[in-house]
């Protein structure tokens, strides 16, 4: 005889006595009741019917948030209760990068890009990590040329993090806002990253792009070198005075000298 707690559809529970063991679900395996190699006793696993598990999760859902609960939801119960399950990718590979760029990045660009500038060439810059796709990846090239768009993939110069807008300032600023939100579970991390992104002010992004232009100018003056300090322009002061430029000017001779140095290399 055994005493089991059974959940009904309303979330209530009751203890009942049964003289038979639970039958395992179809296709399920049971652990035998025997002594292990070290003399410890292995217990038989308790198998619950699908409707019992569903009722249990519904009851738990009433007491906690879906983001916390989803960490322990199995696949079949997730489908029935419509509770999302967040999984961490075991590794980021070229195929994963390709999938995200084609199915997430490109649609986002097409949706948000100004209609008046649709005919212009759009460059997607990536660093030189091995997990990134080649600039001439056939599936990516076919996807970017759809519907008359001119989107091209390029790589930043090696050992030049200042030429990447994300490494230059955006990631650090976003991470600072993210940690202030005190994330907990995996689902909470996803939510708080999205919140930090949504709350990031656009004018600060504009200032980072100005810093990027200033770094590009320094690279030209160094004839491709990176031994310089990131320039400071007192952008916040200029913005308050409404004199913050949109683009920075570069001396023509610096551009000519940099081009000539490439030809001599």
Protein backbone atom coordinates (compact mmCIF):
# COMPACT_ATOMS: atom_id res chain seq x y z
CA UNK A 1 0.00 0.00 0.00
CA UNK A 2 1.28 3.47 -0.80
CA UNK A 3 0.12 7.01 -0.13
CA UNK A 4 0.26 9.35 -3.09
CA UNK A 5 -0.62 12.99 -3.56
CA UNK A 6 -2.78 13.56 -6.63
CA UNK A 7 -3.45 16.93 -8.25
CA UNK A 8 -6.75 17.59 -9.93
CA UNK A 9 -7.47 20.00 -12.72
CA UNK A 10 -8.28 22.90 -10.39
CA UNK A 11 -4.90 22.77 -8.71
CA UNK A 12 -6.13 21.24 -5.44
CA UNK A 13 -4.43 18.16 -4.03
CA UNK A 14 -5.44 15.26 -1.81
CA UNK A 15 -3.78 12.21 -0.28
CA UNK A 16 -5.26 8.83 -1.27
CA UNK A 17 -4.32 5.25 -0.48
CA UNK A 18 -3.65 2.83 -3.30
CA UNK A 19 -2.76 -0.86 -3.26
CA UNK A 20 -1.07 -0.78 -6.67
CA UNK A 21 2.02 0.92 -7.97
CA UNK A 22 1.82 3.66 -10.58
CA UNK A 23 2.17 2.28 -14.06
CA UNK A 24 4.97 3.94 -15.99
CA UNK A 25 4.12 6.05 -18.99
CA UNK A 26 4.30 4.28 -22.31
CA UNK A 27 7.88 3.95 -23.48
CA UNK A 28 9.27 5.03 -20.09
CA UNK A 29 12.05 3.20 -18.27
CA UNK A 30 12.17 2.34 -14.58
CA UNK A 31 15.20 2.09 -12.34
CA UNK A 32 15.43 -1.34 -10.77
CA UNK A 33 15.39 -1.72 -7.00
CA UNK A 34 18.82 -3.17 -6.28
CA UNK A 35 22.06 -2.52 -4.51
CA UNK A 36 24.60 -0.40 -6.33
CA UNK A 37 28.29 -1.11 -6.65
CA UNK A 38 29.01 0.83 -3.46
CA UNK A 39 26.24 -0.86 -1.49
CA UNK A 40 23.76 2.00 -1.74
CA UNK A 41 20.11 1.25 -2.40
CA UNK A 42 18.59 2.55 -5.62
CA UNK A 43 14.96 3.62 -5.39
CA UNK A 44 12.33 3.07 -8.03
CA UNK A 45 11.47 6.23 -9.92
CA UNK A 46 8.00 7.69 -9.52
CA UNK A 47 6.25 8.13 -12.84
CA UNK A 48 3.29 10.50 -13.13
CA UNK A 49 0.66 10.65 -15.79
CA UNK A 50 0.80 13.62 -18.12
CA UNK A 51 -2.43 15.15 -16.81
CA UNK A 52 -1.05 14.93 -13.26
CA UNK A 53 2.11 16.78 -14.24
CA UNK A 54 0.11 19.36 -16.11
CA UNK A 55 -2.14 20.01 -13.11
CA UNK A 56 0.91 20.32 -10.86
CA UNK A 57 2.54 22.91 -13.11
CA UNK A 58 -0.67 24.88 -13.40
CA UNK A 59 -0.87 25.02 -9.61
CA UNK A 60 2.77 26.14 -9.40
CA UNK A 61 2.20 28.73 -12.09
CA UNK A 62 -0.38 30.40 -9.90
CA UNK A 63 2.27 30.84 -7.20
CA UNK A 64 5.26 32.02 -9.21
CA UNK A 65 6.21 33.65 -12.49
CA UNK A 66 6.44 31.82 -15.79
CA UNK A 67 10.08 32.82 -16.16
CA UNK A 68 11.06 30.98 -12.98
CA UNK A 69 8.75 28.03 -13.53
CA UNK A 70 9.89 27.37 -17.10
CA UNK A 71 13.30 26.18 -15.91
CA UNK A 72 11.71 22.93 -14.71
CA UNK A 73 9.07 22.38 -17.38
CA UNK A 74 9.48 19.30 -19.56
CA UNK A 75 8.87 19.47 -23.32
CA UNK A 76 5.46 17.78 -23.41
CA UNK A 77 4.11 19.76 -20.43
CA UNK A 78 5.45 22.98 -21.97
CA UNK A 79 3.35 22.35 -25.08
CA UNK A 80 0.17 21.64 -23.12
CA UNK A 81 0.49 24.47 -20.61
CA UNK A 82 2.02 26.89 -23.15
CA UNK A 83 4.79 27.72 -20.67
CA UNK A 84 7.92 28.70 -22.66
CA UNK A 85 11.13 26.77 -22.07
CA UNK A 86 14.35 28.76 -22.49
CA UNK A 87 17.34 26.72 -23.53
CA UNK A 88 20.99 27.75 -23.60
CA UNK A 89 22.81 26.93 -26.81
CA UNK A 90 25.62 24.43 -26.11
CA UNK A 91 27.89 26.24 -28.58
CA UNK A 92 27.80 29.05 -31.13
CA UNK A 93 28.89 27.66 -34.49
CA UNK A 94 28.97 29.02 -38.03
CA UNK A 95 25.61 27.40 -38.73
CA UNK A 96 24.11 29.14 -35.69
CA UNK A 97 25.58 32.48 -36.79
CA UNK A 98 24.23 31.96 -40.29
CA UNK A 99 20.76 31.11 -38.99
CA UNK A 100 20.58 34.18 -36.76
CA UNK A 101 21.87 36.55 -39.43
CA UNK A 102 19.51 35.29 -42.14
CA UNK A 103 16.39 34.76 -40.03
CA UNK A 104 16.74 37.51 -37.43
CA UNK A 105 19.22 40.22 -38.43
CA UNK A 106 18.21 40.67 -42.08
CA UNK A 107 14.44 40.90 -41.38
CA UNK A 108 15.14 43.45 -38.62
CA UNK A 109 17.22 45.60 -41.00
CA UNK A 110 14.56 45.49 -43.72
CA UNK A 111 11.84 46.40 -41.25
CA UNK A 112 13.64 49.35 -39.66
CA UNK A 113 15.73 50.79 -42.48
CA UNK A 114 14.44 54.15 -43.76
CA UNK A 115 12.45 53.69 -46.95
CA UNK A 116 14.18 56.66 -48.62
CA UNK A 117 17.58 54.95 -48.26
CA UNK A 118 16.58 51.50 -49.44
CA UNK A 119 18.69 51.72 -52.60
CA UNK A 120 21.90 52.49 -50.72
CA UNK A 121 24.53 49.88 -49.91
CA UNK A 122 24.29 48.55 -46.34
CA UNK A 123 27.37 47.01 -44.76
CA UNK A 124 27.13 44.51 -41.93
CA UNK A 125 30.42 44.44 -40.05
CA UNK A 126 31.59 41.43 -38.06
CA UNK A 127 34.85 40.65 -36.34
CA UNK A 128 37.20 37.84 -37.37
CA UNK A 129 35.96 35.13 -34.98
CA UNK A 130 36.01 31.62 -36.43
CA UNK A 131 32.33 31.15 -35.60
CA UNK A 132 31.33 33.91 -38.03
CA UNK A 133 30.38 33.12 -41.61
CA UNK A 134 32.54 34.02 -44.64
CA UNK A 135 31.67 37.29 -46.36
CA UNK A 136 30.75 35.31 -49.50
CA UNK A 137 28.62 32.67 -47.76
CA UNK A 138 26.27 31.43 -50.55
CA UNK A 139 23.09 31.20 -48.44
CA UNK A 140 23.68 34.62 -46.88
CA UNK A 141 24.41 36.21 -50.28
CA UNK A 142 21.20 34.76 -51.71
CA UNK A 143 19.19 36.04 -48.72
CA UNK A 144 20.58 39.60 -48.80
CA UNK A 145 19.91 40.02 -52.53
CA UNK A 146 16.21 39.21 -52.17
CA UNK A 147 13.71 41.99 -52.94
CA UNK A 148 16.33 44.25 -54.48
CA UNK A 149 18.31 45.02 -51.32
CA UNK A 150 22.07 45.69 -51.49
CA UNK A 151 23.37 44.33 -48.17
CA UNK A 152 27.00 43.25 -47.91
CA UNK A 153 29.03 41.53 -45.22
CA UNK A 154 32.48 42.79 -44.26
CA UNK A 155 35.02 42.14 -41.50
CA UNK A 156 36.70 44.72 -39.32
CA UNK A 157 40.50 45.02 -39.45
CA UNK A 158 42.23 42.59 -37.06
CA UNK A 159 43.33 43.90 -33.65
CA UNK A 160 41.12 46.96 -34.05
CA UNK A 161 38.34 46.83 -31.46
CA UNK A 162 37.93 50.62 -31.68
CA UNK A 163 36.56 50.16 -35.19
CA UNK A 164 33.68 48.07 -33.88
CA UNK A 165 30.83 50.21 -32.55
CA UNK A 166 29.78 47.45 -30.14
CA UNK A 167 33.21 46.94 -28.57
CA UNK A 168 33.92 50.66 -28.61
CA UNK A 169 31.13 51.61 -26.25
CA UNK A 170 27.70 50.09 -26.76
CA UNK A 171 28.26 46.71 -25.09
CA UNK A 172 29.90 48.28 -22.02
CA UNK A 173 27.08 50.78 -21.59
CA UNK A 174 24.43 48.13 -22.08
CA UNK A 175 26.12 45.78 -19.63
CA UNK A 176 26.23 48.51 -16.99
CA UNK A 177 22.48 49.09 -17.29
CA UNK A 178 21.86 45.33 -17.33
CA UNK A 179 23.65 44.69 -14.03
CA UNK A 180 21.66 47.45 -12.34
CA UNK A 181 18.51 45.40 -13.02
CA UNK A 182 19.82 42.45 -10.90
CA UNK A 183 18.85 39.53 -13.17
CA UNK A 184 18.23 36.06 -11.72
CA UNK A 185 17.11 33.10 -13.83
CA UNK A 186 17.93 32.48 -17.49
CA UNK A 187 14.54 33.85 -18.54
CA UNK A 188 15.10 36.85 -16.29
CA UNK A 189 18.45 37.49 -17.97
CA UNK A 190 16.81 37.46 -21.41
CA UNK A 191 14.10 39.83 -20.23
CA UNK A 192 16.52 42.22 -18.51
CA UNK A 193 18.85 42.35 -21.53
CA UNK A 194 15.88 43.33 -23.69
CA UNK A 195 14.83 45.91 -21.09
CA UNK A 196 18.33 47.41 -20.94
CA UNK A 197 18.38 47.63 -24.74
CA UNK A 198 14.92 49.25 -24.93
CA UNK A 199 15.79 51.82 -22.25
CA UNK A 200 19.14 52.78 -23.77
CA UNK A 201 18.82 56.40 -24.99
CA UNK A 202 19.32 56.97 -28.72
CA UNK A 203 21.36 60.13 -28.16
CA UNK A 204 24.03 58.11 -26.38
CA UNK A 205 24.24 55.82 -29.40
CA UNK A 206 24.79 58.89 -31.56
CA UNK A 207 27.71 59.93 -29.35
CA UNK A 208 29.33 56.49 -29.69
CA UNK A 209 29.14 56.77 -33.48
CA UNK A 210 30.93 60.11 -33.26
CA UNK A 211 33.66 58.48 -31.18
CA UNK A 212 33.92 55.79 -33.87
CA UNK A 213 34.51 58.47 -36.51
CA UNK A 214 37.14 60.09 -34.30
CA UNK A 215 38.94 56.74 -33.95
CA UNK A 216 38.83 56.23 -37.72
CA UNK A 217 40.46 59.61 -38.16
CA UNK A 218 43.19 58.68 -35.70
CA UNK A 219 43.83 55.42 -37.60
CA UNK A 220 44.28 57.37 -40.84
CA UNK A 221 46.70 59.75 -39.17
CA UNK A 222 48.64 56.72 -37.88
CA UNK A 223 48.68 55.26 -41.42
CA UNK A 224 46.77 52.24 -40.18
CA UNK A 225 48.30 52.04 -36.71
CA UNK A 226 46.46 51.70 -33.43
CA UNK A 227 48.83 53.48 -31.02
CA UNK A 228 46.56 56.31 -30.07
CA UNK A 229 44.23 57.27 -27.26
CA UNK A 230 40.50 57.30 -27.87
CA UNK A 231 39.70 60.98 -28.48
CA UNK A 232 37.43 62.85 -26.08
CA UNK A 233 35.28 65.60 -27.51
CA UNK A 234 33.16 66.73 -24.54
CA UNK A 235 30.15 65.47 -26.47
CA UNK A 236 27.70 65.93 -23.59
CA UNK A 237 28.62 69.62 -23.32
CA UNK A 238 28.34 70.09 -27.08
CA UNK A 239 24.96 68.36 -27.06
CA UNK A 240 23.63 70.68 -24.35
CA UNK A 241 24.85 73.63 -26.40
CA UNK A 242 23.21 72.09 -29.48
CA UNK A 243 26.51 72.25 -31.36
CA UNK A 244 27.25 68.51 -31.45
CA UNK A 245 28.17 67.59 -35.04
CA UNK A 246 26.62 64.67 -36.90
CA UNK A 247 29.82 63.81 -38.77
CA UNK A 248 33.49 64.68 -38.29
CA UNK A 249 35.73 66.17 -40.93
CA UNK A 250 39.04 64.60 -41.90
CA UNK A 251 42.00 66.38 -43.46
CA UNK A 252 42.28 65.34 -47.10
CA UNK A 253 46.05 64.83 -46.89
CA UNK A 254 45.60 62.23 -44.11
CA UNK A 255 43.36 60.19 -46.41
CA UNK A 256 45.83 60.49 -49.31
CA UNK A 257 48.80 59.50 -47.15
CA UNK A 258 46.92 56.48 -45.77
CA UNK A 259 46.01 55.31 -49.29
CA UNK A 260 49.61 55.77 -50.46
CA UNK A 261 50.88 53.72 -47.51
CA UNK A 262 48.64 50.82 -48.58
CA UNK A 263 50.11 50.89 -52.07
CA UNK A 264 53.65 50.86 -50.68
CA UNK A 265 52.93 47.92 -48.33
